[in-house]
Amino acid sequence: MNLSLGEGMHNPLRYLVLEHVTALISLSRPLVEAIHRADRDLASQVRRALSSTGLNVAEAFGNDAGNARLRFRTARGSLYEAQAGIRIAIAWAHITQEQAQATLESLDDLGGRIYGLSRS
């Protein structure tokens, strides 16, 4: 199975990565809602960063190799922003480390996957 970036809409890698992003957003939603009750601005920023991650990943799969790498790097930056927002929410005691643990692990996994794509 060839997993190059140029396989179009039916690229298995594209599907897996986008599925990971949407699963991460679903996993993060209760955290963002909890953060929102204490800090609307921080919740909004985390929400936007997660959305930006998914949108930039999707855009990367539709670009040629050079532009794709840039979009993957932008997606990774947004992912790190979301991760920082969640860690900041923990520091402010808006949510607990235990509540966020699965999301933080998923963020790390996705970050590694996107890093690999930005290097190809």
N, C-alpha and C. Protein backbone atom coordinates (compact mmCIF):
# COMPACT_ATOMS: atom_id res chain seq x y z
N MET A 1 0.86 -1.18 0.00
CA MET A 1 0.00 0.00 0.00
C MET A 1 0.90 1.24 0.00
N ASN A 2 0.70 2.08 -0.97
CA ASN A 2 1.47 3.32 -1.09
C ASN A 2 0.77 4.42 -0.31
N LEU A 3 1.47 5.04 0.64
CA LEU A 3 0.88 6.08 1.47
C LEU A 3 1.44 7.46 1.14
N SER A 4 1.73 7.70 -0.13
CA SER A 4 2.25 9.01 -0.50
C SER A 4 1.17 10.07 -0.35
N LEU A 5 1.60 11.32 -0.28
CA LEU A 5 0.67 12.43 -0.13
C LEU A 5 -0.18 12.64 -1.37
N GLY A 6 0.24 12.16 -2.52
CA GLY A 6 -0.43 12.48 -3.77
C GLY A 6 -1.56 11.55 -4.16
N GLU A 7 -2.12 10.78 -3.29
CA GLU A 7 -3.15 9.82 -3.66
C GLU A 7 -4.55 10.39 -3.67
N GLY A 8 -4.72 11.65 -3.36
CA GLY A 8 -6.04 12.25 -3.46
C GLY A 8 -6.96 11.90 -2.31
N MET A 9 -8.24 11.98 -2.59
CA MET A 9 -9.28 11.85 -1.57
C MET A 9 -9.31 10.48 -0.90
N HIS A 10 -8.82 9.46 -1.57
CA HIS A 10 -8.92 8.11 -1.00
C HIS A 10 -7.63 7.65 -0.35
N ASN A 11 -6.77 8.58 -0.04
CA ASN A 11 -5.50 8.28 0.61
C ASN A 11 -5.76 7.73 2.01
N PRO A 12 -5.34 6.48 2.29
CA PRO A 12 -5.57 5.91 3.63
C PRO A 12 -4.92 6.72 4.74
N LEU A 13 -3.72 7.25 4.47
CA LEU A 13 -3.04 8.06 5.48
C LEU A 13 -3.85 9.31 5.77
N ARG A 14 -4.36 9.95 4.73
CA ARG A 14 -5.19 11.15 4.89
C ARG A 14 -6.38 10.84 5.79
N TYR A 15 -7.05 9.74 5.52
CA TYR A 15 -8.20 9.34 6.31
C TYR A 15 -7.81 9.11 7.77
N LEU A 16 -6.73 8.39 8.01
CA LEU A 16 -6.32 8.08 9.38
C LEU A 16 -5.96 9.33 10.17
N VAL A 17 -5.22 10.23 9.54
CA VAL A 17 -4.81 11.44 10.25
C VAL A 17 -6.02 12.33 10.53
N LEU A 18 -6.87 12.53 9.54
CA LEU A 18 -8.06 13.36 9.76
C LEU A 18 -9.00 12.73 10.79
N GLU A 19 -9.09 11.41 10.78
CA GLU A 19 -9.89 10.71 11.79
C GLU A 19 -9.31 10.93 13.18
N HIS A 20 -7.99 10.92 13.29
CA HIS A 20 -7.33 11.18 14.57
C HIS A 20 -7.64 12.60 15.05
N VAL A 21 -7.59 13.56 14.14
CA VAL A 21 -7.88 14.95 14.51
C VAL A 21 -9.32 15.07 15.02
N THR A 22 -10.28 14.50 14.29
CA THR A 22 -11.68 14.64 14.72
C THR A 22 -11.94 13.88 16.03
N ALA A 23 -11.28 12.74 16.21
CA ALA A 23 -11.42 12.02 17.48
C ALA A 23 -10.83 12.84 18.63
N LEU A 24 -9.71 13.50 18.37
CA LEU A 24 -9.09 14.36 19.38
C LEU A 24 -10.01 15.52 19.75
N ILE A 25 -10.65 16.12 18.76
CA ILE A 25 -11.57 17.22 19.04
C ILE A 25 -12.75 16.72 19.88
N SER A 26 -13.28 15.56 19.55
CA SER A 26 -14.38 14.99 20.35
C SER A 26 -13.93 14.71 21.78
N LEU A 27 -12.72 14.19 21.92
CA LEU A 27 -12.17 13.90 23.24
C LEU A 27 -11.95 15.19 24.04
N SER A 28 -11.57 16.25 23.34
CA SER A 28 -11.28 17.54 23.98
C SER A 28 -12.52 18.35 24.34
N ARG A 29 -13.62 18.07 23.68
CA ARG A 29 -14.81 18.91 23.86
C ARG A 29 -15.23 19.08 25.32
N PRO A 30 -15.30 18.02 26.14
CA PRO A 30 -15.67 18.24 27.54
C PRO A 30 -14.67 19.12 28.30
N LEU A 31 -13.40 19.01 27.96
CA LEU A 31 -12.40 19.86 28.59
C LEU A 31 -12.61 21.32 28.21
N VAL A 32 -12.82 21.56 26.93
CA VAL A 32 -13.03 22.93 26.45
C VAL A 32 -14.28 23.52 27.10
N GLU A 33 -15.32 22.71 27.23
CA GLU A 33 -16.55 23.19 27.90
C GLU A 33 -16.27 23.54 29.36
N ALA A 34 -15.49 22.72 30.05
CA ALA A 34 -15.15 22.99 31.45
C ALA A 34 -14.28 24.25 31.55
N ILE A 35 -13.33 24.38 30.65
CA ILE A 35 -12.48 25.58 30.64
C ILE A 35 -13.35 26.81 30.39
N HIS A 36 -14.30 26.69 29.49
CA HIS A 36 -15.18 27.82 29.13
C HIS A 36 -15.92 28.37 30.34
N ARG A 37 -16.32 27.49 31.24
CA ARG A 37 -17.05 27.95 32.43
C ARG A 37 -16.19 28.85 33.31
N ALA A 38 -14.87 28.67 33.25
CA ALA A 38 -13.96 29.47 34.09
C ALA A 38 -13.24 30.57 33.31
N ASP A 39 -12.99 30.33 32.02
CA ASP A 39 -12.18 31.27 31.23
C ASP A 39 -12.58 31.14 29.76
N ARG A 40 -13.52 31.99 29.35
CA ARG A 40 -14.04 31.93 27.97
C ARG A 40 -12.95 32.15 26.93
N ASP A 41 -12.06 33.10 27.20
CA ASP A 41 -11.01 33.41 26.23
C ASP A 41 -10.07 32.22 26.01
N LEU A 42 -9.66 31.58 27.09
CA LEU A 42 -8.76 30.44 26.96
C LEU A 42 -9.46 29.30 26.23
N ALA A 43 -10.72 29.05 26.58
CA ALA A 43 -11.47 27.99 25.90
C ALA A 43 -11.60 28.27 24.41
N SER A 44 -11.87 29.51 24.07
CA SER A 44 -11.99 29.90 22.67
C SER A 44 -10.67 29.67 21.93
N GLN A 45 -9.58 30.00 22.56
CA GLN A 45 -8.28 29.83 21.92
C GLN A 45 -7.95 28.35 21.71
N VAL A 46 -8.25 27.52 22.70
CA VAL A 46 -8.02 26.08 22.56
C VAL A 46 -8.90 25.54 21.45
N ARG A 47 -10.15 25.94 21.42
CA ARG A 47 -11.09 25.48 20.39
C ARG A 47 -10.59 25.88 19.00
N ARG A 48 -10.17 27.12 18.84
CA ARG A 48 -9.67 27.59 17.54
C ARG A 48 -8.40 26.85 17.13
N ALA A 49 -7.52 26.59 18.09
CA ALA A 49 -6.27 25.89 17.79
C ALA A 49 -6.55 24.46 17.33
N LEU A 50 -7.48 23.79 17.98
CA LEU A 50 -7.83 22.43 17.56
C LEU A 50 -8.46 22.42 16.17
N SER A 51 -9.35 23.37 15.92
CA SER A 51 -9.96 23.47 14.59
C SER A 51 -8.91 23.78 13.54
N SER A 52 -8.00 24.68 13.85
CA SER A 52 -6.94 25.03 12.93
C SER A 52 -6.06 23.82 12.60
N THR A 53 -5.82 22.99 13.58
CA THR A 53 -5.04 21.78 13.35
C THR A 53 -5.70 20.94 12.26
N GLY A 54 -6.97 20.66 12.43
CA GLY A 54 -7.68 19.83 11.45
C GLY A 54 -7.76 20.47 10.08
N LEU A 55 -8.04 21.75 10.04
CA LEU A 55 -8.17 22.43 8.76
C LEU A 55 -6.83 22.50 8.03
N ASN A 56 -5.75 22.73 8.75
CA ASN A 56 -4.44 22.77 8.11
C ASN A 56 -3.97 21.40 7.65
N VAL A 57 -4.30 20.36 8.40
CA VAL A 57 -3.98 19.00 7.95
C VAL A 57 -4.73 18.70 6.66
N ALA A 58 -6.01 19.02 6.62
CA ALA A 58 -6.79 18.77 5.41
C ALA A 58 -6.23 19.56 4.23
N GLU A 59 -5.88 20.81 4.46
CA GLU A 59 -5.31 21.63 3.40
C GLU A 59 -3.97 21.05 2.92
N ALA A 60 -3.17 20.54 3.84
CA ALA A 60 -1.87 19.97 3.47
C ALA A 60 -2.04 18.81 2.51
N PHE A 61 -3.03 17.97 2.75
CA PHE A 61 -3.24 16.82 1.87
C PHE A 61 -3.69 17.22 0.48
N GLY A 62 -4.15 18.46 0.32
CA GLY A 62 -4.56 18.95 -0.98
C GLY A 62 -3.52 19.78 -1.69
N ASN A 63 -2.33 19.91 -1.11
CA ASN A 63 -1.27 20.73 -1.69
C ASN A 63 -0.13 19.88 -2.23
N ASP A 64 0.72 20.51 -3.04
CA ASP A 64 1.93 19.82 -3.48
C ASP A 64 2.88 19.69 -2.29
N ALA A 65 3.96 18.95 -2.49
CA ALA A 65 4.83 18.57 -1.37
C ALA A 65 5.36 19.76 -0.56
N GLY A 66 5.87 20.80 -1.22
CA GLY A 66 6.44 21.94 -0.49
C GLY A 66 5.41 22.67 0.34
N ASN A 67 4.27 22.96 -0.25
CA ASN A 67 3.20 23.63 0.49
C ASN A 67 2.58 22.72 1.53
N ALA A 68 2.54 21.43 1.24
CA ALA A 68 2.00 20.48 2.22
C ALA A 68 2.84 20.49 3.49
N ARG A 69 4.16 20.50 3.33
CA ARG A 69 5.03 20.54 4.52
C ARG A 69 4.76 21.79 5.36
N LEU A 70 4.57 22.92 4.70
CA LEU A 70 4.27 24.16 5.43
C LEU A 70 2.95 24.04 6.18
N ARG A 71 1.92 23.49 5.55
CA ARG A 71 0.62 23.35 6.21
C ARG A 71 0.71 22.38 7.38
N PHE A 72 1.48 21.28 7.21
CA PHE A 72 1.66 20.35 8.32
C PHE A 72 2.38 21.03 9.48
N ARG A 73 3.35 21.87 9.18
CA ARG A 73 4.05 22.60 10.24
C ARG A 73 3.11 23.58 10.94
N THR A 74 2.26 24.23 10.17
CA THR A 74 1.27 25.13 10.78
C THR A 74 0.31 24.33 11.65
N ALA A 75 -0.12 23.17 11.17
CA ALA A 75 -1.01 22.30 11.95
C ALA A 75 -0.34 21.89 13.25
N ARG A 76 0.94 21.55 13.17
CA ARG A 76 1.67 21.15 14.38
C ARG A 76 1.77 22.31 15.36
N GLY A 77 1.98 23.52 14.86
CA GLY A 77 2.02 24.70 15.73
C GLY A 77 0.69 24.91 16.43
N SER A 78 -0.41 24.76 15.70
CA SER A 78 -1.73 24.90 16.31
C SER A 78 -1.98 23.80 17.33
N LEU A 79 -1.50 22.60 17.04
CA LEU A 79 -1.65 21.50 17.98
C LEU A 79 -0.90 21.80 19.28
N TYR A 80 0.31 22.34 19.16
CA TYR A 80 1.07 22.69 20.36
C TYR A 80 0.40 23.82 21.12
N GLU A 81 -0.24 24.74 20.39
CA GLU A 81 -0.98 25.81 21.04
C GLU A 81 -2.14 25.23 21.86
N ALA A 82 -2.87 24.27 21.29
CA ALA A 82 -3.97 23.63 22.01
C ALA A 82 -3.44 22.91 23.25
N GLN A 83 -2.33 22.23 23.09
CA GLN A 83 -1.72 21.51 24.22
C GLN A 83 -1.33 22.50 25.32
N ALA A 84 -0.73 23.60 24.95
CA ALA A 84 -0.35 24.61 25.95
C ALA A 84 -1.60 25.17 26.63
N GLY A 85 -2.65 25.42 25.87
CA GLY A 85 -3.89 25.93 26.46
C GLY A 85 -4.47 24.98 27.49
N ILE A 86 -4.42 23.69 27.20
CA ILE A 86 -4.93 22.71 28.16
C ILE A 86 -4.03 22.66 29.38
N ARG A 87 -2.73 22.72 29.18
CA ARG A 87 -1.81 22.72 30.33
C ARG A 87 -1.98 23.99 31.18
N ILE A 88 -2.23 25.10 30.53
CA ILE A 88 -2.49 26.35 31.26
C ILE A 88 -3.79 26.24 32.05
N ALA A 89 -4.81 25.63 31.46
CA ALA A 89 -6.07 25.43 32.18
C ALA A 89 -5.87 24.55 33.41
N ILE A 90 -4.97 23.56 33.30
CA ILE A 90 -4.64 22.74 34.47
C ILE A 90 -3.95 23.60 35.52
N ALA A 91 -3.01 24.42 35.09
CA ALA A 91 -2.29 25.28 36.03
C ALA A 91 -3.22 26.25 36.75
N TRP A 92 -4.25 26.73 36.05
CA TRP A 92 -5.24 27.62 36.66
C TRP A 92 -6.31 26.84 37.44
N ALA A 93 -6.21 25.53 37.46
CA ALA A 93 -7.17 24.65 38.15
C ALA A 93 -8.57 24.73 37.55
N HIS A 94 -8.67 25.02 36.26
CA HIS A 94 -9.96 24.97 35.58
C HIS A 94 -10.36 23.52 35.30
N ILE A 95 -9.35 22.68 35.09
CA ILE A 95 -9.52 21.24 34.89
C ILE A 95 -8.36 20.56 35.62
N THR A 96 -8.46 19.25 35.79
CA THR A 96 -7.39 18.51 36.46
C THR A 96 -6.52 17.77 35.45
N GLN A 97 -5.34 17.42 35.89
CA GLN A 97 -4.44 16.61 35.06
C GLN A 97 -5.12 15.29 34.68
N GLU A 98 -5.82 14.70 35.64
CA GLU A 98 -6.50 13.43 35.39
C GLU A 98 -7.57 13.59 34.32
N GLN A 99 -8.32 14.67 34.36
CA GLN A 99 -9.34 14.92 33.34
C GLN A 99 -8.72 15.07 31.96
N ALA A 100 -7.55 15.66 31.91
CA ALA A 100 -6.92 15.99 30.63
C ALA A 100 -5.96 14.92 30.12
N GLN A 101 -5.66 13.91 30.91
CA GLN A 101 -4.59 12.97 30.57
C GLN A 101 -4.79 12.31 29.20
N ALA A 102 -5.95 11.78 28.93
CA ALA A 102 -6.18 11.10 27.64
C ALA A 102 -6.04 12.07 26.48
N THR A 103 -6.52 13.28 26.66
CA THR A 103 -6.41 14.29 25.61
C THR A 103 -4.95 14.66 25.38
N LEU A 104 -4.19 14.85 26.45
CA LEU A 104 -2.78 15.19 26.31
C LEU A 104 -2.01 14.07 25.61
N GLU A 105 -2.33 12.83 25.91
CA GLU A 105 -1.67 11.70 25.24
C GLU A 105 -2.02 11.67 23.76
N SER A 106 -3.28 11.93 23.44
CA SER A 106 -3.70 11.97 22.04
C SER A 106 -3.04 13.12 21.29
N LEU A 107 -2.90 14.27 21.97
CA LEU A 107 -2.19 15.40 21.37
C LEU A 107 -0.75 15.02 21.06
N ASP A 108 -0.08 14.33 21.97
CA ASP A 108 1.30 13.90 21.74
C ASP A 108 1.39 12.94 20.56
N ASP A 109 0.47 11.97 20.51
CA ASP A 109 0.47 11.00 19.40
C ASP A 109 0.27 11.71 18.06
N LEU A 110 -0.71 12.59 18.01
CA LEU A 110 -0.99 13.29 16.77
C LEU A 110 0.18 14.21 16.40
N GLY A 111 0.78 14.85 17.38
CA GLY A 111 1.94 15.70 17.11
C GLY A 111 3.07 14.93 16.45
N GLY A 112 3.30 13.72 16.92
CA GLY A 112 4.33 12.87 16.31
C GLY A 112 3.99 12.50 14.88
N ARG A 113 2.74 12.18 14.66
CA ARG A 113 2.29 11.81 13.31
C ARG A 113 2.42 13.00 12.36
N ILE A 114 1.99 14.18 12.80
CA ILE A 114 2.08 15.37 11.95
C ILE A 114 3.53 15.75 11.73
N TYR A 115 4.37 15.60 12.75
CA TYR A 115 5.80 15.88 12.59
C TYR A 115 6.37 15.02 11.47
N GLY A 116 6.03 13.75 11.48
CA GLY A 116 6.52 12.84 10.43
C GLY A 116 6.06 13.29 9.05
N LEU A 117 4.83 13.73 8.94
CA LEU A 117 4.32 14.20 7.66
C LEU A 117 5.02 15.48 7.21
N SER A 118 5.38 16.34 8.16
CA SER A 118 6.05 17.59 7.80
C SER A 118 7.48 17.35 7.33
N ARG A 119 8.00 16.19 7.61
CA ARG A 119 9.38 15.84 7.22
C ARG A 119 9.43 15.09 5.90
N SER A 120 8.27 14.62 5.39
CA SER A 120 8.30 13.81 4.16
C SER A 120 8.28 14.66 2.92
